[in-house]
Amino acid sequence: MRIAVFASSLLLSVAAVAEPLTYAFDKAHSQIHASVNHLGFSNSTARFLIKDGSLTLDVADPTSGKVDVTIDANSMDFGDATWKEHVSADKWFNVASFPDIRFVSTKVTSTGKDTMAIEGNLTLRGVTKPVTLNATLNKAGEHPFSKKPAVGFSATATFKRSEFGMDAYVPNVGDDVSLRIEIEASAG
């Protein structure tokens, strides 16, 4: 009888561990960086902040994961107010008409131990196109301060800005946008 109770307890604890959890983004420790080549001299980089969203993940099966994140387009920081004003205007981000950038995953595929391709739809300037994030699960476990389940990811992606209606100055200002994403998120 004790063996049956022990086995049942073990199965219940394994089932509890294998359930998907919904994580909220830690906005202070999550950033999105976008870079574009500027006249061949440099890669101009901006940082964007997460406005809202969530990540659902079963650590035992990351391919069942889902992400839905909204980024504040007006949060872009190039380190220069004049450049930000220029890029916020109509022919670029047009933040007055399109204040949000959104990514919603459609499929997650394992590409190796702790790596995955996260396919999804990126909506920028009212245009939605598929984009794939190449992600690495950095860590999953109990957060040492909050004692809640937490996860951390790093991801990269590339897309063409012209596909989203931002074709000003191509090719002098590069068409390819490189993303670097750092995410921390906690459950409960």
Protein backbone atom coordinates (compact mmCIF):
# COMPACT_ATOMS: atom_id res chain seq x y z
CA MET A 1 0.00 0.00 0.00
CA ARG A 2 2.84 2.43 0.86
CA ILE A 3 4.42 1.70 -2.51
CA ALA A 4 1.15 2.52 -4.31
CA VAL A 5 0.79 5.80 -2.36
CA PHE A 6 4.43 6.68 -3.09
CA ALA A 7 4.02 5.88 -6.80
CA SER A 8 0.81 7.95 -6.98
CA SER A 9 2.52 10.88 -5.24
CA LEU A 10 5.47 10.63 -7.61
CA LEU A 11 3.21 10.61 -10.68
CA LEU A 12 1.26 13.62 -9.39
CA SER A 13 4.44 15.59 -8.71
CA VAL A 14 5.81 14.74 -12.18
CA ALA A 15 2.51 15.81 -13.77
CA ALA A 16 2.61 19.08 -11.81
CA VAL A 17 6.14 19.80 -13.02
CA ALA A 18 5.23 19.08 -16.64
CA GLU A 19 2.31 21.52 -16.79
CA PRO A 20 2.71 24.68 -18.83
CA LEU A 21 3.07 27.86 -16.81
CA THR A 22 2.28 31.40 -17.89
CA TYR A 23 5.11 33.82 -17.23
CA ALA A 24 4.98 37.62 -17.06
CA PHE A 25 7.90 39.51 -18.57
CA ASP A 26 10.30 41.12 -16.12
CA LYS A 27 10.35 44.49 -17.86
CA ALA A 28 13.45 45.71 -16.00
CA HIS A 29 15.51 42.74 -17.15
CA SER A 30 14.07 42.23 -20.64
CA GLN A 31 15.19 44.25 -23.64
CA ILE A 32 14.82 44.25 -27.38
CA HIS A 33 17.68 45.75 -29.40
CA ALA A 34 17.30 46.49 -33.12
CA SER A 35 20.25 47.38 -35.37
CA VAL A 36 20.40 48.63 -38.93
CA ASN A 37 23.43 49.53 -41.01
CA HIS A 38 23.94 53.28 -41.35
CA LEU A 39 25.68 54.33 -44.57
CA GLY A 40 28.11 51.40 -44.26
CA PHE A 41 29.90 53.16 -41.39
CA SER A 42 28.12 51.69 -38.36
CA ASN A 43 25.21 49.63 -37.15
CA SER A 44 22.85 52.07 -35.48
CA THR A 45 21.16 50.38 -32.54
CA ALA A 46 18.02 51.20 -30.59
CA ARG A 47 16.61 49.66 -27.45
CA PHE A 48 12.87 49.02 -27.16
CA LEU A 49 10.86 48.26 -24.02
CA ILE A 50 8.18 45.65 -23.50
CA LYS A 51 4.73 47.13 -22.92
CA ASP A 52 2.74 43.98 -22.21
CA GLY A 53 2.51 40.29 -22.94
CA SER A 54 3.10 36.82 -21.65
CA LEU A 55 4.99 33.63 -22.29
CA THR A 56 3.46 30.18 -21.78
CA LEU A 57 5.98 27.38 -21.41
CA ASP A 58 6.19 23.77 -20.36
CA VAL A 59 9.89 23.46 -19.52
CA ALA A 60 9.69 19.71 -20.19
CA ASP A 61 8.37 20.43 -23.71
CA PRO A 62 9.44 23.91 -24.91
CA THR A 63 7.96 23.21 -28.37
CA SER A 64 4.49 23.65 -26.85
CA GLY A 65 5.40 27.18 -25.77
CA LYS A 66 3.66 30.37 -26.84
CA VAL A 67 4.64 34.01 -26.71
CA ASP A 68 2.57 37.14 -27.19
CA VAL A 69 4.45 40.39 -26.61
CA THR A 70 3.63 44.02 -27.28
CA ILE A 71 6.50 46.47 -27.57
CA ASP A 72 6.13 50.21 -27.05
CA ALA A 73 7.30 51.74 -30.36
CA ASN A 74 7.76 55.13 -28.71
CA SER A 75 10.14 53.63 -26.14
CA MET A 76 12.90 53.38 -28.74
CA ASP A 77 16.15 54.80 -27.43
CA PHE A 78 18.95 55.59 -29.88
CA GLY A 79 20.82 57.67 -27.33
CA ASP A 80 19.99 60.84 -29.25
CA ALA A 81 16.72 62.83 -29.04
CA THR A 82 17.03 64.27 -32.58
CA TRP A 83 17.59 60.84 -34.13
CA LYS A 84 14.65 59.42 -32.15
CA GLU A 85 12.39 62.24 -33.36
CA HIS A 86 13.49 61.60 -36.96
CA VAL A 87 12.91 57.83 -36.78
CA SER A 88 9.56 58.24 -34.97
CA ALA A 89 8.16 60.21 -37.94
CA ASP A 90 5.78 59.04 -40.68
CA LYS A 91 8.25 57.47 -43.12
CA TRP A 92 9.86 55.36 -40.41
CA PHE A 93 8.05 53.99 -37.35
CA ASN A 94 5.14 56.48 -37.49
CA VAL A 95 4.61 56.05 -33.74
CA ALA A 96 1.69 58.52 -33.73
CA SER A 97 -0.37 56.12 -35.85
CA PHE A 98 1.26 52.83 -34.82
CA PRO A 99 2.29 53.01 -31.15
CA ASP A 100 2.60 49.23 -30.72
CA ILE A 101 4.80 46.54 -32.22
CA ARG A 102 3.54 43.01 -31.59
CA PHE A 103 4.93 39.50 -31.96
CA VAL A 104 2.68 36.43 -31.60
CA SER A 105 4.21 32.99 -31.95
CA THR A 106 2.64 30.37 -34.21
CA LYS A 107 5.07 27.44 -33.84
CA VAL A 108 8.09 26.42 -31.77
CA THR A 109 10.56 23.87 -33.12
CA SER A 110 13.46 22.37 -31.19
CA THR A 111 16.81 22.97 -32.92
CA GLY A 112 19.07 21.44 -30.25
CA LYS A 113 19.51 21.14 -26.51
CA ASP A 114 18.01 24.35 -25.09
CA THR A 115 17.69 25.97 -28.54
CA MET A 116 14.59 26.50 -30.63
CA ALA A 117 13.13 28.34 -33.60
CA ILE A 118 10.11 30.40 -32.61
CA GLU A 119 8.04 31.18 -35.69
CA GLY A 120 5.48 33.93 -35.42
CA ASN A 121 3.85 37.02 -36.81
CA LEU A 122 5.41 40.43 -36.32
CA THR A 123 3.09 43.41 -36.68
CA LEU A 124 4.89 46.69 -37.32
CA ARG A 125 3.29 49.84 -38.76
CA GLY A 126 0.04 47.90 -39.24
CA VAL A 127 1.73 45.29 -41.46
CA THR A 128 1.98 41.67 -40.31
CA LYS A 129 4.73 39.39 -41.64
CA PRO A 130 6.27 36.10 -40.48
CA VAL A 131 9.51 36.34 -38.50
CA THR A 132 11.50 33.52 -36.88
CA LEU A 133 13.34 34.02 -33.59
CA ASN A 134 16.36 31.78 -32.99
CA ALA A 135 16.15 31.33 -29.23
CA THR A 136 18.20 29.80 -26.45
CA LEU A 137 16.69 28.84 -23.11
CA ASN A 138 19.33 30.23 -20.74
CA LYS A 139 17.80 28.99 -17.51
CA ALA A 140 14.57 27.68 -16.03
CA GLY A 141 14.08 27.29 -12.31
CA GLU A 142 13.18 28.98 -9.08
CA HIS A 143 14.05 32.68 -8.97
CA PRO A 144 16.42 33.17 -6.02
CA PHE A 145 14.62 36.30 -4.74
CA SER A 146 10.92 35.78 -5.51
CA LYS A 147 11.05 31.98 -5.07
CA LYS A 148 8.69 31.73 -8.07
CA PRO A 149 9.32 29.73 -11.27
CA ALA A 150 11.35 31.81 -13.71
CA VAL A 151 12.84 31.48 -17.20
CA GLY A 152 15.41 33.38 -19.22
CA PHE A 153 15.87 33.44 -22.99
CA SER A 154 18.21 35.04 -25.51
CA ALA A 155 17.06 35.31 -29.12
CA THR A 156 18.05 36.78 -32.45
CA ALA A 157 16.21 37.45 -35.70
CA THR A 158 16.56 39.38 -38.94
CA PHE A 159 13.87 40.93 -41.12
CA LYS A 160 13.62 43.47 -43.92
CA ARG A 161 12.20 46.81 -42.82
CA SER A 162 10.98 47.55 -46.36
CA GLU A 163 8.47 44.69 -46.00
CA PHE A 164 6.81 46.74 -43.24
CA GLY A 165 6.63 49.96 -45.27
CA MET A 166 9.87 51.47 -43.93
CA ASP A 167 11.88 51.77 -47.11
CA ALA A 168 13.25 55.30 -46.67
CA TYR A 169 16.89 55.61 -47.77
CA VAL A 170 17.37 51.93 -48.74
CA PRO A 171 20.12 50.90 -49.51
CA ASN A 172 22.11 53.72 -47.85
CA VAL A 173 20.40 52.89 -44.58
CA GLY A 174 20.27 49.09 -44.51
CA ASP A 175 17.12 47.15 -45.24
CA ASP A 176 18.06 44.28 -42.91
CA VAL A 177 17.11 44.82 -39.28
CA SER A 178 18.94 42.62 -36.77
CA LEU A 179 17.19 41.89 -33.49
CA ARG A 180 18.82 40.83 -30.23
CA ILE A 181 16.38 39.95 -27.49
CA GLU A 182 17.04 39.25 -23.81
CA ILE A 183 14.09 38.00 -21.74
CA GLU A 184 13.50 37.23 -18.08
CA ALA A 185 10.02 36.15 -17.02
CA SER A 186 8.39 34.85 -13.84
CA ALA A 187 5.27 32.79 -13.17
CA GLY A 188 2.61 33.59 -10.61
